[in-house]
């Protein structure tokens, strides 16, 4: 049988050696770590807690020594230290003794003997405290009795001697436990030092072995595979490589031979495809075999392309003629639409001039309402909002009106409203704003035939109509939906409107409310439509909102009228940004 040193065998030999060395290192490391863990457990679970508990016991003895001395020398029978000493002897000491006895179960016999000696002497010591000092010296009279006091003194001196012996034994026991811990630590470090040296040696061996395996693999496997990869990537990009793979007696050699054959076949197929693509449908091509799917598909493609070319030439001629006809028709229609658009736009611009003509001019505002401003921003060329101004007797009438809709429909309503308002004020004896709006309401209902036909929509107006007497500083107003704001001494006073519009009654006819306000010097009056507060914008594309509108008015109310107008305009434009204006904007401000 012909033996082949295949790629699998090469990789297996190299990495098998590394795996064996790694297993040896793992087993030895596991053994040493397990032994170190046991020794560490001994230190952590036995020696260290024992030393800590013995030190705590030493501290307990020191506290008892301090407290018994204080008991003897201090005649204050109410001293809190006496309760602390009683608790130490009756509670703290038994708990500490039980804890040490539990830990002493794992100690050596000698350590356990010393421990029992310490406990016996401590029991006797605390018994002496109680019987010879604490009980006899339990009242102020006992301190006055010389015989009792000197007997207690002898007991205290003897206790001091016993404490020295206990401390000596305790220090010896603590020292022995520390030495035991140190021995365990040295043994553990010795094992770890051996493990470190072994791991260092093994690491060097693994690095050298790994480099050898990597070099061998790169030379015999990686380099040929990289050449195969380069050739396949070129073919993936549609580029036939010029390189060829040399013959080898392994899997890489077999793949190289197959790839060489594939490239030669692709070169032949590519040349045939080029000829076919240039329209040479007579080019010669022979499939590699009866099972050559690509070759037979190319032959069928060539025949199909030849037939499609004849059909497409015929269709191109027909479609070209049709496109020419359609282009001529589109050009004619486009011209007609441009003419129509210009006519409509010119008409709307003319309507704008008409609408502007019915609006009060600025000189009239300066005359009748000095120190006032109007911010008027139509959404479209013409507006559904309009403002109105006139004088009758001592009363200066001014109004902000928001008609249904905007653009051309709103503009028609604004003309109707303006004419009816002017006629009502000038041709009747009505003076109260509420009566004028009632009359205006009747005029709108009559003009628009509200309720007469089924097709009638709810066309109407939201508005605020004011009558200002500069002599008495009395302001009368009536309002449909839109409120009136007065800013006085830094506070905004909101006067609500009636909750029904002008010209759109449902059910029984309603009358508007007439409101009277006594103004003061420095008051700032604002009437407006809802377009400002309803404008979308800001970082999140939300409405400006009435609350923000009121805050803005409070902020700028002390500015001159023209600066207030500029502030309102710049703020809403900044808020709107690139978004479309959603409604007509109208604000009138009057300072008293």
Protein backbone atom coordinates (compact mmCIF):
# COMPACT_ATOMS: atom_id res chain seq x y z
CA UNK A 1 0.00 0.00 0.00
CA UNK A 2 1.37 3.41 -1.01
CA UNK A 3 1.74 5.46 2.19
CA UNK A 4 1.01 9.19 1.89
CA UNK A 5 2.01 11.74 4.51
CA UNK A 6 -1.24 13.66 4.10
CA UNK A 7 -2.12 17.07 5.51
CA UNK A 8 -4.17 15.48 8.28
CA UNK A 9 -1.25 13.32 9.35
CA UNK A 10 1.13 16.27 9.29
CA UNK A 11 -1.13 18.42 11.44
CA UNK A 12 -1.95 15.50 13.75
CA UNK A 13 1.73 14.69 14.37
CA UNK A 14 2.65 18.28 15.25
CA UNK A 15 -0.33 19.11 17.41
CA UNK A 16 -0.39 15.64 19.00
CA UNK A 17 3.05 16.32 20.47
CA UNK A 18 1.88 19.68 21.83
CA UNK A 19 -1.25 18.07 23.30
CA UNK A 20 0.78 15.38 25.15
CA UNK A 21 3.03 18.03 26.69
CA UNK A 22 0.01 20.13 27.63
CA UNK A 23 -1.68 17.13 29.34
CA UNK A 24 1.48 16.45 31.39
CA UNK A 25 1.60 20.10 32.48
CA UNK A 26 -2.12 20.04 33.31
CA UNK A 27 -1.90 16.88 35.47
CA UNK A 28 1.15 18.11 37.39
CA UNK A 29 -0.37 21.58 37.87
CA UNK A 30 -3.64 20.07 39.09
CA UNK A 31 -1.78 17.90 41.62
CA UNK A 32 0.29 20.78 43.03
CA UNK A 33 -2.67 23.19 43.08
CA UNK A 34 -4.78 20.57 44.93
CA UNK A 35 -2.04 20.11 47.56
CA UNK A 36 -1.63 23.89 47.88
CA UNK A 37 -5.39 24.25 48.24
CA UNK A 38 -5.39 21.80 51.17
CA UNK A 39 -2.57 23.70 52.86
CA UNK A 40 -4.28 27.01 52.22
CA UNK A 41 -7.48 25.60 53.70
CA UNK A 42 -5.54 24.60 56.79
CA UNK A 43 -4.24 28.15 57.20
CA UNK A 44 -7.51 29.88 56.33
CA UNK A 45 -9.97 27.57 58.14
CA UNK A 46 -7.86 26.60 61.17
CA UNK A 47 -4.65 28.50 61.88
CA UNK A 48 -5.71 32.04 60.94
CA UNK A 49 -9.09 31.88 62.79
CA UNK A 50 -7.33 30.34 65.80
CA UNK A 51 -4.75 33.13 65.97
CA UNK A 52 -7.47 35.77 65.55
CA UNK A 53 -9.64 34.16 68.25
CA UNK A 54 -6.67 33.94 70.67
CA UNK A 55 -5.88 37.62 70.08
CA UNK A 56 -9.53 38.50 70.75
CA UNK A 57 -9.31 36.46 73.98
CA UNK A 58 -6.13 38.34 74.92
CA UNK A 59 -7.96 41.62 74.39
CA UNK A 60 -10.86 40.36 76.55
CA UNK A 61 -8.40 39.65 79.42
CA UNK A 62 -6.92 43.13 79.06
CA UNK A 63 -10.37 44.70 79.23
CA UNK A 64 -11.21 42.65 82.31
CA UNK A 65 -7.95 43.79 83.96
CA UNK A 66 -8.77 47.44 83.24
CA UNK A 67 -12.38 47.12 84.43
CA UNK A 68 -11.52 45.26 87.71
CA UNK A 69 -8.90 47.90 88.54
CA UNK A 70 -11.45 50.59 87.91
CA UNK A 71 -13.94 48.69 90.15
CA UNK A 72 -11.42 48.61 92.99
CA UNK A 73 -10.10 52.17 92.79
CA UNK A 74 -13.34 53.97 91.84
CA UNK A 75 -15.93 54.33 94.60
CA UNK A 76 -18.67 55.27 92.08
CA UNK A 77 -21.02 52.30 92.46
CA UNK A 78 -23.14 53.59 89.55
CA UNK A 79 -20.25 53.55 87.07
CA UNK A 80 -21.25 51.92 83.76
CA UNK A 81 -17.98 49.99 83.73
CA UNK A 82 -19.38 47.65 86.41
CA UNK A 83 -22.18 46.51 84.10
CA UNK A 84 -19.65 46.08 81.31
CA UNK A 85 -17.44 43.86 83.56
CA UNK A 86 -20.43 41.74 84.65
CA UNK A 87 -21.40 41.26 80.98
CA UNK A 88 -17.79 40.39 80.06
CA UNK A 89 -17.59 37.65 82.74
CA UNK A 90 -21.09 36.23 82.39
CA UNK A 91 -21.61 36.57 78.62
CA UNK A 92 -18.59 37.58 76.52
CA UNK A 93 -16.13 35.21 78.19
CA UNK A 94 -18.33 32.06 77.85
CA UNK A 95 -18.93 32.83 74.16
CA UNK A 96 -15.22 33.32 73.50
CA UNK A 97 -14.34 30.14 75.48
CA UNK A 98 -16.86 28.08 73.45
CA UNK A 99 -15.45 29.45 70.18
CA UNK A 100 -11.86 28.60 71.19
CA UNK A 101 -12.81 25.14 72.39
CA UNK A 102 -14.37 24.39 68.99
CA UNK A 103 -11.21 25.58 67.18
CA UNK A 104 -8.94 23.65 69.61
CA UNK A 105 -10.36 20.32 68.38
CA UNK A 106 -7.94 20.48 65.41
CA UNK A 107 -4.89 21.57 67.46
CA UNK A 108 -1.98 19.36 68.58
CA UNK A 109 -2.09 17.64 71.96
CA UNK A 110 0.45 20.03 73.42
CA UNK A 111 -1.51 23.06 72.14
CA UNK A 112 -4.72 21.60 73.55
CA UNK A 113 -3.02 21.05 76.95
CA UNK A 114 -1.85 24.66 77.07
CA UNK A 115 -5.34 25.80 76.06
CA UNK A 116 -6.95 23.84 78.95
CA UNK A 117 -4.41 25.36 81.37
CA UNK A 118 -5.32 28.88 80.16
CA UNK A 119 -9.05 28.22 80.48
CA UNK A 120 -8.67 26.77 84.01
CA UNK A 121 -6.63 29.73 85.21
CA UNK A 122 -9.05 32.17 83.56
CA UNK A 123 -12.03 30.51 85.26
CA UNK A 124 -10.22 30.81 88.62
CA UNK A 125 -9.28 34.42 87.84
CA UNK A 126 -12.85 35.50 87.10
CA UNK A 127 -14.08 33.60 90.16
CA UNK A 128 -11.59 35.64 92.27
CA UNK A 129 -12.85 38.84 90.62
CA UNK A 130 -16.42 38.06 91.57
CA UNK A 131 -15.99 36.58 95.06
CA UNK A 132 -13.11 38.65 96.45
CA UNK A 133 -13.54 42.05 94.75
CA UNK A 134 -16.85 42.61 92.97
CA UNK A 135 -19.20 41.18 95.61
CA UNK A 136 -17.39 42.64 98.70
CA UNK A 137 -17.01 46.11 97.09
CA UNK A 138 -20.62 46.54 95.98
CA UNK A 139 -21.58 49.60 98.01
CA UNK A 140 -20.10 52.87 99.23
CA UNK A 141 -20.02 51.57 102.83
CA UNK A 142 -17.89 48.60 101.82
CA UNK A 143 -15.22 50.98 100.53
CA UNK A 144 -15.18 52.63 103.99
CA UNK A 145 -14.57 49.28 105.69
CA UNK A 146 -10.75 49.00 105.86
CA UNK A 147 -10.67 45.23 106.38
CA UNK A 148 -12.82 44.57 103.30
CA UNK A 149 -10.89 47.05 101.20
CA UNK A 150 -7.46 45.52 102.09
CA UNK A 151 -8.67 41.96 101.53
CA UNK A 152 -9.86 43.06 98.09
CA UNK A 153 -6.43 44.63 97.52
CA UNK A 154 -4.71 41.27 98.24
CA UNK A 155 -7.09 39.55 95.82
CA UNK A 156 -6.35 42.16 93.14
CA UNK A 157 -2.57 41.66 93.55
CA UNK A 158 -2.92 37.87 93.32
CA UNK A 159 -5.07 38.28 90.21
CA UNK A 160 -2.31 40.38 88.64
CA UNK A 161 0.15 37.51 89.19
CA UNK A 162 -2.28 34.98 87.72
CA UNK A 163 -2.81 37.23 84.69
CA UNK A 164 0.93 37.28 84.00
CA UNK A 165 0.97 33.47 83.88
CA UNK A 166 -2.12 33.43 81.63
CA UNK A 167 -0.60 36.04 79.31
CA UNK A 168 2.63 34.01 79.12
CA UNK A 169 0.78 30.81 78.20
CA UNK A 170 -1.43 32.72 75.74
CA UNK A 171 1.57 34.34 74.04
CA UNK A 172 3.24 30.96 73.74
CA UNK A 173 0.13 29.42 72.19
CA UNK A 174 -0.27 32.30 69.71
CA UNK A 175 3.44 32.04 68.79
CA UNK A 176 3.11 28.28 68.18
CA UNK A 177 0.06 28.76 65.95
CA UNK A 178 1.89 31.42 63.93
CA UNK A 179 4.91 29.11 63.55
CA UNK A 180 2.59 26.34 62.33
CA UNK A 181 1.07 28.71 59.79
CA UNK A 182 4.52 29.75 58.63
CA UNK A 183 5.56 26.09 58.15
CA UNK A 184 2.46 25.41 56.06
CA UNK A 185 3.14 28.57 54.03
CA UNK A 186 6.77 27.57 53.36
CA UNK A 187 5.70 24.10 52.25
CA UNK A 188 3.06 25.54 49.95
CA UNK A 189 5.48 28.07 48.41
CA UNK A 190 8.03 25.30 47.87
CA UNK A 191 5.49 23.34 45.83
CA UNK A 192 4.50 26.46 43.92
CA UNK A 193 8.16 27.29 43.19
CA UNK A 194 8.60 23.84 41.70
CA UNK A 195 5.43 24.29 39.65
CA UNK A 196 6.68 27.69 38.44
CA UNK A 197 10.01 26.26 37.28
CA UNK A 198 8.27 23.36 35.59
CA UNK A 199 5.78 25.62 33.84
CA UNK A 200 8.58 27.95 32.70
CA UNK A 201 10.50 24.99 31.24
CA UNK A 202 7.37 23.56 29.67
CA UNK A 203 6.41 26.99 28.26
CA UNK A 204 9.79 27.28 26.56
CA UNK A 205 9.36 23.76 25.18
CA UNK A 206 5.82 24.52 23.95
CA UNK A 207 6.95 27.80 22.33
CA UNK A 208 9.81 26.13 20.50
CA UNK A 209 7.60 23.18 19.54
CA UNK A 210 4.83 25.51 18.44
CA UNK A 211 7.24 27.49 16.28
CA UNK A 212 8.49 24.29 14.68
CA UNK A 213 4.93 23.08 14.05
CA UNK A 214 3.96 26.51 12.69
CA UNK A 215 7.02 26.61 10.41
CA UNK A 216 6.39 23.09 9.16
CA UNK A 217 2.66 23.80 8.64
CA UNK A 218 3.32 27.12 6.89
CA UNK A 219 5.89 25.55 4.59
CA UNK A 220 3.92 22.46 3.61
CA UNK A 221 0.28 23.61 4.00
CA UNK A 222 -0.30 27.33 4.49
CA UNK A 223 1.77 28.60 1.57
CA UNK A 224 0.10 26.32 -1.05
CA UNK A 225 -3.33 27.03 0.48
CA UNK A 226 -2.67 30.78 0.28
CA UNK A 227 -1.86 30.39 -3.41
CA UNK A 228 -5.10 28.44 -3.88
CA UNK A 229 -6.97 31.20 -1.99
CA UNK A 230 -5.42 33.92 -4.13
CA UNK A 231 -6.39 32.10 -7.34
CA UNK A 232 -9.97 31.49 -6.11
CA UNK A 233 -10.40 35.10 -4.98
CA UNK A 234 -9.25 36.27 -8.42
CA UNK A 235 -11.78 33.96 -10.03
CA UNK A 236 -14.44 35.29 -7.61
CA UNK A 237 -13.71 38.77 -9.01
CA UNK A 238 -14.00 37.47 -12.58
CA UNK A 239 -10.21 37.43 -13.16
CA UNK A 240 -8.65 34.24 -14.47
CA UNK A 241 -5.24 33.79 -12.73
CA UNK A 242 -2.03 33.16 -14.63
CA UNK A 243 -0.48 31.02 -11.85
CA UNK A 244 -0.68 27.24 -11.78
CA UNK A 245 -0.38 24.80 -8.86
CA UNK A 246 2.57 22.33 -8.99
CA UNK A 247 1.76 18.63 -8.64
CA UNK A 248 1.92 17.16 -5.09
CA UNK A 249 1.03 13.74 -3.71
CA UNK A 250 -1.52 15.04 -1.15
CA UNK A 251 -4.88 16.78 -0.91
CA UNK A 252 -3.42 20.19 -1.85
CA UNK A 253 -1.90 18.68 -4.99
CA UNK A 254 -5.27 17.13 -5.96
CA UNK A 255 -7.07 20.46 -5.44
CA UNK A 256 -4.38 22.25 -7.48
CA UNK A 257 -4.80 19.86 -10.42
CA UNK A 258 -8.59 20.32 -10.31
CA UNK A 259 -8.20 24.11 -10.16
CA UNK A 260 -5.74 24.13 -13.09
CA UNK A 261 -8.25 22.20 -15.22
CA UNK A 262 -11.04 24.55 -14.15
CA UNK A 263 -9.04 27.64 -15.14
CA UNK A 264 -8.28 26.23 -18.59
CA UNK A 265 -11.97 25.41 -19.07
CA UNK A 266 -12.97 28.93 -17.93
CA UNK A 267 -10.51 30.51 -20.37
CA UNK A 268 -12.09 28.60 -23.24
CA UNK A 269 -15.60 29.47 -22.05
CA UNK A 270 -14.67 33.14 -21.56
CA UNK A 271 -13.36 33.45 -25.10
CA UNK A 272 -16.58 31.96 -26.48
CA UNK A 273 -18.66 34.34 -24.32
CA UNK A 274 -16.66 37.31 -25.62
CA UNK A 275 -17.31 36.29 -29.20
CA UNK A 276 -21.01 35.85 -28.51
CA UNK A 277 -21.19 39.16 -26.65
CA UNK A 278 -19.73 41.02 -29.64
CA UNK A 279 -22.44 39.57 -31.85
CA UNK A 280 -20.38 36.78 -33.40
CA UNK A 281 -23.02 34.12 -33.09
CA UNK A 282 -21.07 31.82 -35.43
CA UNK A 283 -18.08 31.40 -33.03
CA UNK A 284 -17.00 27.80 -32.44
CA UNK A 285 -17.40 26.23 -29.00
CA UNK A 286 -17.49 22.60 -27.96
CA UNK A 287 -18.66 21.55 -24.45
CA UNK A 288 -16.14 19.60 -22.38
CA UNK A 289 -18.54 16.65 -22.11
CA UNK A 290 -22.17 15.67 -22.42
CA UNK A 291 -22.56 16.62 -18.73
CA UNK A 292 -20.96 20.08 -19.16
CA UNK A 293 -23.96 22.10 -17.92
CA UNK A 294 -22.29 25.47 -18.41
CA UNK A 295 -21.13 24.67 -21.94
CA UNK A 296 -24.53 23.54 -23.14
CA UNK A 297 -26.15 26.54 -21.41
CA UNK A 298 -23.80 28.87 -23.29
CA UNK A 299 -24.78 27.30 -26.61
CA UNK A 300 -28.47 27.77 -25.79
CA UNK A 301 -27.75 31.33 -24.68
CA UNK A 302 -26.00 32.07 -27.97
CA UNK A 303 -28.99 30.82 -29.98
CA UNK A 304 -31.42 32.72 -27.74
CA UNK A 305 -29.40 35.96 -28.00
CA UNK A 306 -29.35 35.72 -31.78
CA UNK A 307 -33.14 35.42 -31.85
CA UNK A 308 -33.64 38.16 -29.23
CA UNK A 309 -31.41 40.53 -31.15
CA UNK A 310 -33.67 40.26 -34.20
CA UNK A 311 -36.82 40.78 -32.11
CA UNK A 312 -35.32 43.68 -30.12
CA UNK A 313 -34.24 45.55 -33.24
CA UNK A 314 -37.81 45.47 -34.44
CA UNK A 315 -39.20 46.59 -31.06
CA UNK A 316 -36.66 49.40 -30.70
CA UNK A 317 -37.80 50.90 -33.96
CA UNK A 318 -41.46 50.70 -32.87
CA UNK A 319 -40.80 52.09 -29.37
CA UNK A 320 -38.67 54.95 -30.67
CA UNK A 321 -41.51 56.11 -32.87
CA UNK A 322 -43.95 55.88 -29.91
CA UNK A 323 -41.62 57.79 -27.53
CA UNK A 324 -41.24 60.59 -30.05
CA UNK A 325 -45.02 60.93 -30.29
CA UNK A 326 -45.42 60.90 -26.47
CA UNK A 327 -42.68 63.47 -26.04
CA UNK A 328 -44.45 65.86 -28.40
CA UNK A 329 -47.74 65.40 -26.52
CA UNK A 330 -46.05 65.97 -23.11
CA UNK A 331 -44.38 69.15 -24.36
CA UNK A 332 -47.76 70.48 -25.52
CA UNK A 333 -49.45 69.62 -22.18
CA UNK A 334 -46.55 71.11 -20.20
CA UNK A 335 -46.88 74.37 -22.06
CA UNK A 336 -50.62 74.47 -21.40
CA UNK A 337 -50.08 73.77 -17.66
CA UNK A 338 -47.45 76.50 -17.40
CA UNK A 339 -49.85 79.00 -18.95
CA UNK A 340 -52.66 77.89 -16.63
CA UNK A 341 -50.39 78.01 -13.56
CA UNK A 342 -49.26 81.54 -14.44
CA UNK A 343 -52.86 82.67 -14.88
CA UNK A 344 -53.92 81.19 -11.52
CA UNK A 345 -50.86 82.61 -9.72
CA UNK A 346 -51.39 86.05 -11.25
CA UNK A 347 -55.02 85.95 -10.14
CA UNK A 348 -54.08 85.02 -6.57
CA UNK A 349 -51.45 87.79 -6.43
CA UNK A 350 -54.08 90.24 -7.63
CA UNK A 351 -56.41 88.90 -4.91
CA UNK A 352 -53.62 89.57 -2.43
CA UNK A 353 -53.46 93.24 -3.53
CA UNK A 354 -57.23 93.46 -3.08
CA UNK A 355 -57.03 91.88 0.37
CA UNK A 356 -54.17 94.17 1.41
CA UNK A 357 -56.24 97.13 0.24
CA UNK A 358 -59.05 96.33 2.72
CA UNK A 359 -56.62 95.94 5.64
CA UNK A 360 -56.05 99.07 7.77
CA UNK A 361 -52.82 100.85 6.75
CA UNK A 362 -50.01 101.45 9.25
CA UNK A 363 -50.56 105.27 9.40
CA UNK A 364 -54.11 104.60 10.60
CA UNK A 365 -52.76 102.33 13.34
CA UNK A 366 -50.21 104.98 14.34
CA UNK A 367 -53.03 107.55 14.53
CA UNK A 368 -55.71 105.55 16.36
CA UNK A 369 -53.54 103.07 18.31
CA UNK A 370 -50.18 104.71 19.01
CA UNK A 371 -47.52 102.42 20.48
CA UNK A 372 -49.01 99.28 18.91
CA UNK A 373 -47.89 96.59 16.46
CA UNK A 374 -49.39 94.02 14.08
CA UNK A 375 -47.63 90.72 13.21
CA UNK A 376 -49.40 89.38 10.11
CA UNK A 377 -47.93 86.28 8.37
CA UNK A 378 -50.24 84.60 5.82
CA UNK A 379 -49.60 80.92 5.24
CA UNK A 380 -50.23 81.29 1.50
CA UNK A 381 -50.28 84.25 -0.87
CA UNK A 382 -53.64 85.34 0.51
CA UNK A 383 -54.86 84.86 4.09
CA UNK A 384 -57.90 83.69 6.04
CA UNK A 385 -56.84 85.92 8.96
CA UNK A 386 -57.45 89.65 8.84
CA UNK A 387 -57.24 92.59 11.20
CA UNK A 388 -59.62 95.56 11.35
CA UNK A 389 -59.49 99.08 12.82
CA UNK A 390 -61.91 102.00 13.01
CA UNK A 391 -63.13 104.79 15.33
CA UNK A 392 -66.62 105.73 16.41
CA UNK A 393 -67.11 108.56 18.86
CA UNK A 394 -64.58 108.17 21.69
CA UNK A 395 -64.19 104.45 21.03
CA UNK A 396 -61.34 102.97 18.97
CA UNK A 397 -62.44 99.59 17.60
CA UNK A 398 -59.88 96.96 16.61
CA UNK A 399 -60.23 93.24 15.93
CA UNK A 400 -58.18 90.10 15.14
CA UNK A 401 -60.24 87.68 13.04
CA UNK A 402 -59.46 84.05 12.05
CA UNK A 403 -61.77 82.84 9.24
CA UNK A 404 -62.39 79.20 8.41
CA UNK A 405 -59.52 77.84 6.29
CA UNK A 406 -56.59 79.69 4.76
CA UNK A 407 -55.41 80.58 1.26
CA UNK A 408 -58.06 81.47 -1.33
CA UNK A 409 -61.09 80.05 0.62
CA UNK A 410 -60.02 81.88 3.76
CA UNK A 411 -59.41 85.06 1.82
CA UNK A 412 -63.01 85.02 0.50
CA UNK A 413 -64.26 84.68 4.09
CA UNK A 414 -61.97 87.50 5.25
CA UNK A 415 -63.45 89.86 2.62
CA UNK A 416 -66.99 88.93 3.69
CA UNK A 417 -66.10 89.44 7.36
CA UNK A 418 -64.28 92.74 6.83
CA UNK A 419 -67.12 94.25 4.79
CA UNK A 420 -69.80 93.10 7.25
CA UNK A 421 -67.79 94.43 10.23
CA UNK A 422 -67.25 97.82 8.57
CA UNK A 423 -70.92 98.07 7.59
CA UNK A 424 -72.12 97.16 11.10
CA UNK A 425 -69.95 99.78 12.84
CA UNK A 426 -70.48 102.61 10.33
CA UNK A 427 -74.14 102.10 9.36
CA UNK A 428 -75.76 101.14 12.69
CA UNK A 429 -75.95 102.79 16.10
CA UNK A 430 -74.46 99.72 17.80
CA UNK A 431 -71.50 100.49 20.08
CA UNK A 432 -70.97 97.48 22.37
CA UNK A 433 -68.54 94.87 20.92
CA UNK A 434 -70.94 92.07 21.83
CA UNK A 435 -73.84 93.74 19.94
CA UNK A 436 -71.59 94.37 16.95
CA UNK A 437 -70.52 90.71 16.89
CA UNK A 438 -74.16 89.56 17.21
CA UNK A 439 -75.01 91.72 14.21
CA UNK A 440 -71.92 90.45 12.38
CA UNK A 441 -73.03 86.91 13.15
CA UNK A 442 -76.44 87.54 11.58
CA UNK A 443 -74.75 89.02 8.51
CA UNK A 444 -72.48 86.00 8.04
CA UNK A 445 -75.37 83.55 8.51
CA UNK A 446 -77.46 85.50 5.98
CA UNK A 447 -74.64 85.94 3.46
CA UNK A 448 -73.53 82.30 3.55
CA UNK A 449 -77.12 80.94 3.82
CA UNK A 450 -76.24 78.89 6.88
CA UNK A 451 -78.72 76.04 7.40
CA UNK A 452 -80.56 76.63 4.10
CA UNK A 453 -78.92 73.86 2.08
CA UNK A 454 -77.65 70.41 3.03
CA UNK A 455 -74.28 71.21 1.43
CA UNK A 456 -73.67 74.11 3.86
CA UNK A 457 -70.45 73.67 5.80
CA UNK A 458 -69.60 75.20 9.13
CA UNK A 459 -67.94 78.31 7.75
CA UNK A 460 -67.35 80.99 10.33
CA UNK A 461 -64.88 83.16 12.21
CA UNK A 462 -62.98 83.05 15.50
CA UNK A 463 -62.32 86.62 16.57
CA UNK A 464 -61.72 89.15 19.32
CA UNK A 465 -63.33 92.63 18.95
CA UNK A 466 -62.17 95.43 21.28
CA UNK A 467 -63.47 98.96 21.97
CA UNK A 468 -60.87 101.16 23.70
CA UNK A 469 -61.68 104.56 25.25
CA UNK A 470 -58.39 106.43 25.76
CA UNK A 471 -60.11 109.09 27.89
CA UNK A 472 -61.53 106.72 30.52
CA UNK A 473 -59.01 103.88 29.90
CA UNK A 474 -61.98 101.51 29.72
CA UNK A 475 -61.70 98.48 27.44
CA UNK A 476 -64.77 96.57 26.27
CA UNK A 477 -64.43 93.39 24.28
CA UNK A 478 -66.32 90.38 22.98
CA UNK A 479 -64.61 87.22 21.76
CA UNK A 480 -65.41 84.02 19.87
CA UNK A 481 -62.99 81.25 20.94
CA UNK A 482 -59.89 83.50 20.90
CA UNK A 483 -59.11 84.96 24.38
CA UNK A 484 -57.64 88.37 25.26
CA UNK A 485 -54.40 88.76 27.27
CA UNK A 486 -53.43 91.77 29.41
CA UNK A 487 -49.97 91.97 30.99
CA UNK A 488 -49.91 94.19 34.06
CA UNK A 489 -47.03 94.57 36.54
CA UNK A 490 -45.28 91.45 35.23
CA UNK A 491 -48.39 89.23 35.41
CA UNK A 492 -50.46 87.89 32.53
CA UNK A 493 -54.23 88.23 32.95
CA UNK A 494 -56.23 85.98 30.65
CA UNK A 495 -59.81 86.92 29.74
CA UNK A 496 -61.69 84.00 28.27
CA UNK A 497 -63.82 84.02 25.13
CA UNK A 498 -67.26 82.58 24.31
CA UNK A 499 -67.01 78.97 23.13
CA UNK A 500 -68.85 79.42 19.80
CA UNK A 501 -67.81 81.09 16.53
CA UNK A 502 -69.30 83.83 14.42
CA UNK A 503 -71.54 82.47 11.65
CA UNK A 504 -71.88 78.78 12.60
CA UNK A 505 -74.78 78.22 14.97
CA UNK A 506 -75.97 74.74 15.87
CA UNK A 507 -79.35 74.71 17.57
CA UNK A 508 -80.60 77.77 19.44
CA UNK A 509 -78.95 81.09 18.58
CA UNK A 510 -76.49 82.33 21.21
CA UNK A 511 -75.51 85.89 22.16
CA UNK A 512 -71.94 87.06 22.69
CA UNK A 513 -70.82 88.31 26.10
CA UNK A 514 -69.73 91.93 26.52
CA UNK A 515 -66.75 92.30 28.90
CA UNK A 516 -65.51 95.52 30.54
CA UNK A 517 -61.98 96.03 31.89
CA UNK A 518 -60.60 99.11 33.62
CA UNK A 519 -57.10 99.54 32.25
CA UNK A 520 -54.05 101.10 33.87
CA UNK A 521 -51.14 103.01 32.47
CA UNK A 522 -48.46 100.56 31.28
CA UNK A 523 -50.93 97.72 30.53
CA UNK A 524 -50.12 95.67 27.41
CA UNK A 525 -53.10 94.24 25.44
CA UNK A 526 -52.73 91.24 23.08
CA UNK A 527 -55.34 89.74 20.72
CA UNK A 528 -54.45 87.02 18.21
CA UNK A 529 -55.45 84.01 16.13
CA UNK A 530 -54.34 80.43 16.96
CA UNK A 531 -51.76 80.17 14.15
CA UNK A 532 -48.76 81.16 16.31
CA UNK A 533 -49.32 78.61 19.09
CA UNK A 534 -50.23 75.82 16.61
CA UNK A 535 -47.01 76.11 14.56
CA UNK A 536 -44.94 72.91 14.49
CA UNK A 537 -41.18 73.10 14.93
CA UNK A 538 -38.41 72.90 17.49
CA UNK A 539 -36.01 69.96 17.92
CA UNK A 540 -38.87 67.40 18.08
CA UNK A 541 -41.28 68.86 15.54
CA UNK A 542 -43.93 69.66 18.19
CA UNK A 543 -46.43 72.52 18.45
CA UNK A 544 -45.22 75.81 19.97
CA UNK A 545 -48.19 75.64 22.41
CA UNK A 546 -50.15 78.39 24.19
CA UNK A 547 -48.06 78.10 27.36
CA UNK A 548 -44.85 78.94 25.53
CA UNK A 549 -46.68 81.76 23.73
CA UNK A 550 -47.75 83.31 27.05
CA UNK A 551 -44.23 82.99 28.49
CA UNK A 552 -42.82 84.72 25.41
CA UNK A 553 -45.31 87.61 25.78
CA UNK A 554 -44.36 88.02 29.46
CA UNK A 555 -40.67 88.04 28.56
CA UNK A 556 -40.92 90.76 25.91
CA UNK A 557 -43.89 92.84 27.12
CA UNK A 558 -41.69 95.72 28.31
CA UNK A 559 -39.98 96.15 24.93
CA UNK A 560 -41.10 98.88 22.49
CA UNK A 561 -43.93 97.78 20.18
CA UNK A 562 -41.78 97.44 17.04
CA UNK A 563 -39.17 95.37 18.89
CA UNK A 564 -41.95 93.12 20.23
CA UNK A 565 -43.09 92.47 16.67
CA UNK A 566 -39.53 91.62 15.58
CA UNK A 567 -39.08 89.32 18.61
CA UNK A 568 -42.32 87.43 17.84
CA UNK A 569 -41.38 87.10 14.17
CA UNK A 570 -37.81 85.88 14.75
CA UNK A 571 -38.89 83.43 17.47
CA UNK A 572 -41.56 81.68 15.37
CA UNK A 573 -39.28 81.55 12.32
CA UNK A 574 -36.49 79.99 14.39
CA UNK A 575 -39.00 77.53 15.89
CA UNK A 576 -40.43 76.59 12.48
CA UNK A 577 -37.02 76.00 10.89
CA UNK A 578 -37.44 74.11 7.63
CA UNK A 579 -41.00 72.95 8.40
CA UNK A 580 -43.98 74.33 6.48
CA UNK A 581 -46.10 77.08 8.05
CA UNK A 582 -49.34 75.34 9.11
CA UNK A 583 -51.72 78.31 9.43
CA UNK A 584 -52.03 82.06 9.08
CA UNK A 585 -50.45 84.02 11.97
CA UNK A 586 -51.97 87.24 13.35
CA UNK A 587 -51.06 89.06 16.60
CA UNK A 588 -52.05 92.63 17.60
CA UNK A 589 -50.37 94.29 20.58
CA UNK A 590 -51.43 97.64 22.11
CA UNK A 591 -49.63 99.40 24.96
CA UNK A 592 -51.58 101.84 27.18
